């Protein structure tokens, strides 16, 4: 942890330095490592200003705040802005591609009026953190013609959870999947 405090037209007290040090420790807990922070306090007429520049692992954040009367409030507000910027940046870094998920519009849909959850109330839509559509590693799945029994043998010998195939008898696309109880489930469209 490195905290550098500078005062322009203001004498830095030990309480201001201690506040900056505590806010930096809080920021480091969020970031998960040491941060370098520079705090510049200024006083002009009756306004106090605080400029905070923080860096952590080649990432930099900057915030500036002015208050009328209290330098501690200016420092606290500037650190809150830095904290919000760091939180937003860490969220973007976790989601490497930083783009809307393909199923984002699906997540926001509400159940139909007739659909009720257990307990008789309307079901809550899944939270964005839990419901995502993730594309499989394979771009295209070949729908090879085979019987349901052949598909079962093929799925049993593979590590995949499901198999898309064309039913040889009806020429329809079908999906065979592994159930949690060890059996297989078969989905056949009606069209």
Protein backbone atom coordinates (compact mmCIF):
# COMPACT_ATOMS: atom_id res chain seq x y z
CA UNK A 1 0.00 0.00 0.00
CA UNK A 2 1.36 3.35 -1.05
CA UNK A 3 -0.50 6.53 -0.14
CA UNK A 4 0.90 9.88 -1.15
CA UNK A 5 -0.89 12.95 0.23
CA UNK A 6 -0.31 16.47 -1.09
CA UNK A 7 -1.89 19.71 0.05
CA UNK A 8 -2.37 22.86 -2.01
CA UNK A 9 -3.14 25.90 0.13
CA UNK A 10 -4.02 23.56 2.99
CA UNK A 11 -2.04 21.94 5.76
CA UNK A 12 -2.58 18.18 5.88
CA UNK A 13 -3.52 16.99 9.32
CA UNK A 14 -2.86 13.52 10.63
CA UNK A 15 -6.60 12.79 10.62
CA UNK A 16 -6.81 13.52 6.85
CA UNK A 17 -3.82 11.27 6.20
CA UNK A 18 -5.36 8.54 8.36
CA UNK A 19 -8.68 8.86 6.47
CA UNK A 20 -6.85 8.47 3.14
CA UNK A 21 -4.98 5.43 4.49
CA UNK A 22 -8.20 3.76 5.73
CA UNK A 23 -9.99 4.43 2.43
CA UNK A 24 -7.01 2.97 0.56
CA UNK A 25 -7.14 -0.18 2.68
CA UNK A 26 -10.84 -0.51 1.86
CA UNK A 27 -10.07 -0.11 -1.85
CA UNK A 28 -7.32 -2.74 -1.63
CA UNK A 29 -9.74 -5.23 -0.10
CA UNK A 30 -12.03 -4.76 -3.11
CA UNK A 31 -9.15 -5.04 -5.58
CA UNK A 32 -7.53 -8.00 -3.86
CA UNK A 33 -4.02 -6.55 -3.83
CA UNK A 34 -1.86 -3.50 -3.19
CA UNK A 35 -2.78 -0.19 -4.76
CA UNK A 36 -0.86 3.02 -5.30
CA UNK A 37 -2.95 6.04 -4.36
CA UNK A 38 -2.19 9.75 -4.69
CA UNK A 39 -4.46 12.21 -2.86
CA UNK A 40 -4.28 15.92 -3.65
CA UNK A 41 -6.22 18.24 -1.33
CA UNK A 42 -6.80 21.86 -2.27
CA UNK A 43 -8.41 24.87 -0.60
CA UNK A 44 -9.79 27.82 -2.56
CA UNK A 45 -11.75 30.49 -0.70
CA UNK A 46 -14.38 28.44 1.12
CA UNK A 47 -14.23 25.28 -1.05
CA UNK A 48 -12.23 22.16 -0.35
CA UNK A 49 -11.32 19.87 -3.23
CA UNK A 50 -9.97 16.34 -3.29
CA UNK A 51 -8.44 14.60 -6.27
CA UNK A 52 -7.69 10.90 -5.93
CA UNK A 53 -5.65 8.94 -8.45
CA UNK A 54 -5.44 5.19 -7.83
CA UNK A 55 -3.65 2.48 -9.76
CA UNK A 56 -3.59 -1.29 -9.41
CA UNK A 57 -2.05 -3.77 -11.84
CA UNK A 58 -1.80 -1.36 -14.77
CA UNK A 59 -5.33 -0.05 -14.20
CA UNK A 60 -5.83 3.59 -13.28
CA UNK A 61 -8.79 5.44 -11.82
CA UNK A 62 -9.20 9.15 -11.18
CA UNK A 63 -11.87 11.08 -9.26
CA UNK A 64 -12.25 14.70 -8.21
CA UNK A 65 -14.70 16.16 -5.67
CA UNK A 66 -15.34 19.58 -4.16
CA UNK A 67 -17.29 20.41 -1.02
CA UNK A 68 -18.08 23.61 0.77
CA UNK A 69 -16.61 23.40 4.22
CA UNK A 70 -15.25 19.92 4.98
CA UNK A 71 -12.10 18.40 3.46
CA UNK A 72 -12.92 14.98 4.98
CA UNK A 73 -16.21 14.88 3.04
CA UNK A 74 -14.40 15.73 -0.20
CA UNK A 75 -11.88 12.89 0.36
CA UNK A 76 -14.63 10.42 1.23
CA UNK A 77 -16.73 11.33 -1.84
CA UNK A 78 -13.71 11.06 -4.14
CA UNK A 79 -12.83 7.62 -2.73
CA UNK A 80 -16.46 6.50 -3.23
CA UNK A 81 -16.16 7.43 -6.91
CA UNK A 82 -12.87 5.51 -7.18
CA UNK A 83 -14.49 2.53 -5.48
CA UNK A 84 -17.41 2.59 -7.93
CA UNK A 85 -15.04 2.86 -10.92
CA UNK A 86 -12.93 -0.04 -9.64
CA UNK A 87 -16.02 -2.18 -9.02
CA UNK A 88 -17.30 -1.49 -12.54
CA UNK A 89 -13.87 -2.22 -14.03
CA UNK A 90 -13.52 -5.50 -12.13
CA UNK A 91 -16.95 -6.57 -13.36
CA UNK A 92 -15.89 -5.88 -16.92
CA UNK A 93 -12.67 -7.79 -16.43
CA UNK A 94 -14.55 -10.82 -15.12
CA UNK A 95 -16.79 -10.78 -18.17
CA UNK A 96 -13.91 -10.85 -20.64
CA UNK A 97 -15.88 -10.17 -23.75
CA UNK A 98 -17.91 -7.38 -22.11
CA UNK A 99 -20.90 -7.70 -24.31
CA UNK A 100 -24.52 -8.54 -23.78
CA UNK A 101 -25.16 -12.24 -23.50
CA UNK A 102 -27.11 -13.75 -26.39
CA UNK A 103 -29.95 -14.57 -24.00
CA UNK A 104 -30.19 -11.14 -22.38
CA UNK A 105 -33.64 -10.44 -23.80
CA UNK A 106 -34.77 -13.90 -22.66
CA UNK A 107 -33.73 -13.16 -19.08
CA UNK A 108 -35.90 -10.07 -18.92
CA UNK A 109 -39.10 -11.82 -20.00
CA UNK A 110 -41.77 -12.40 -17.41
CA UNK A 111 -43.91 -15.53 -17.20
CA UNK A 112 -47.30 -15.50 -18.86
CA UNK A 113 -50.30 -14.44 -16.80
CA UNK A 114 -51.43 -18.05 -16.31
CA UNK A 115 -48.06 -19.36 -15.16
CA UNK A 116 -47.61 -19.48 -11.42
CA UNK A 117 -44.66 -20.58 -9.35
CA UNK A 118 -44.86 -22.98 -6.44
CA UNK A 119 -46.83 -21.32 -3.69
CA UNK A 120 -49.34 -19.64 -6.00
CA UNK A 121 -47.49 -16.41 -6.79
CA UNK A 122 -45.97 -15.34 -10.08
CA UNK A 123 -42.50 -16.72 -10.68
CA UNK A 124 -39.59 -14.31 -10.37
CA UNK A 125 -37.45 -14.02 -13.51
CA UNK A 126 -34.04 -15.60 -13.07
CA UNK A 127 -31.35 -13.20 -11.98
CA UNK A 128 -28.79 -12.18 -14.64
CA UNK A 129 -26.03 -13.90 -12.68
CA UNK A 130 -27.73 -17.32 -12.83
CA UNK A 131 -29.51 -17.50 -16.20
CA UNK A 132 -27.24 -17.22 -19.21
CA UNK A 133 -27.22 -18.78 -22.63
CA UNK A 134 -23.77 -20.09 -23.39
CA UNK A 135 -22.97 -21.33 -26.88
CA UNK A 136 -21.38 -24.76 -27.06
CA UNK A 137 -17.81 -25.17 -28.24
CA UNK A 138 -19.03 -26.70 -31.49
CA UNK A 139 -20.34 -24.18 -33.99
CA UNK A 140 -22.54 -26.64 -35.89
CA UNK A 141 -23.84 -29.99 -34.79
CA UNK A 142 -24.28 -32.43 -37.67
CA UNK A 143 -27.71 -34.06 -37.54
CA UNK A 144 -26.82 -37.51 -38.85
CA UNK A 145 -29.63 -39.93 -39.72
CA UNK A 146 -29.86 -42.75 -37.16
CA UNK A 147 -32.38 -44.53 -35.01
CA UNK A 148 -33.07 -43.57 -31.38
CA UNK A 149 -31.29 -46.75 -30.23
CA UNK A 150 -28.15 -45.88 -32.23
CA UNK A 151 -28.23 -42.38 -30.77
CA UNK A 152 -28.53 -43.87 -27.28
CA UNK A 153 -25.46 -46.06 -27.84
CA UNK A 154 -23.51 -43.11 -29.20
CA UNK A 155 -24.50 -40.84 -26.29
CA UNK A 156 -23.73 -43.54 -23.74
CA UNK A 157 -20.14 -43.82 -25.01
CA UNK A 158 -19.51 -40.06 -25.12
CA UNK A 159 -19.02 -37.37 -22.47
CA UNK A 160 -21.67 -35.11 -24.01
CA UNK A 161 -24.96 -34.41 -22.26
CA UNK A 162 -27.11 -34.45 -25.38
CA UNK A 163 -27.10 -35.53 -29.03
CA UNK A 164 -28.95 -33.92 -31.92
CA UNK A 165 -29.78 -36.38 -34.70
CA UNK A 166 -32.18 -36.96 -37.60
CA UNK A 167 -34.50 -39.88 -36.94
CA UNK A 168 -33.99 -42.34 -39.82
CA UNK A 169 -37.64 -43.51 -39.79
CA UNK A 170 -39.42 -40.13 -39.70
CA UNK A 171 -36.67 -37.81 -41.08
CA UNK A 172 -37.34 -35.39 -38.19
CA UNK A 173 -34.68 -33.70 -36.07
CA UNK A 174 -34.66 -35.14 -32.54
CA UNK A 175 -32.67 -34.54 -29.36
CA UNK A 176 -31.57 -37.30 -27.02
CA UNK A 177 -30.27 -36.21 -23.61
CA UNK A 178 -28.94 -37.81 -20.43
CA UNK A 179 -31.27 -37.52 -17.47
CA UNK A 180 -30.09 -37.17 -13.89
CA UNK A 181 -31.47 -40.59 -13.00
CA UNK A 182 -29.20 -42.24 -15.61
CA UNK A 183 -31.87 -42.80 -18.27
CA UNK A 184 -32.14 -40.98 -21.58
CA UNK A 185 -34.77 -38.46 -22.58
CA UNK A 186 -35.97 -38.02 -26.17
CA UNK A 187 -37.35 -34.78 -27.58
CA UNK A 188 -39.21 -35.08 -30.88
CA UNK A 189 -40.82 -31.98 -32.42
CA UNK A 190 -44.38 -32.24 -33.73
CA UNK A 191 -43.87 -30.25 -36.93
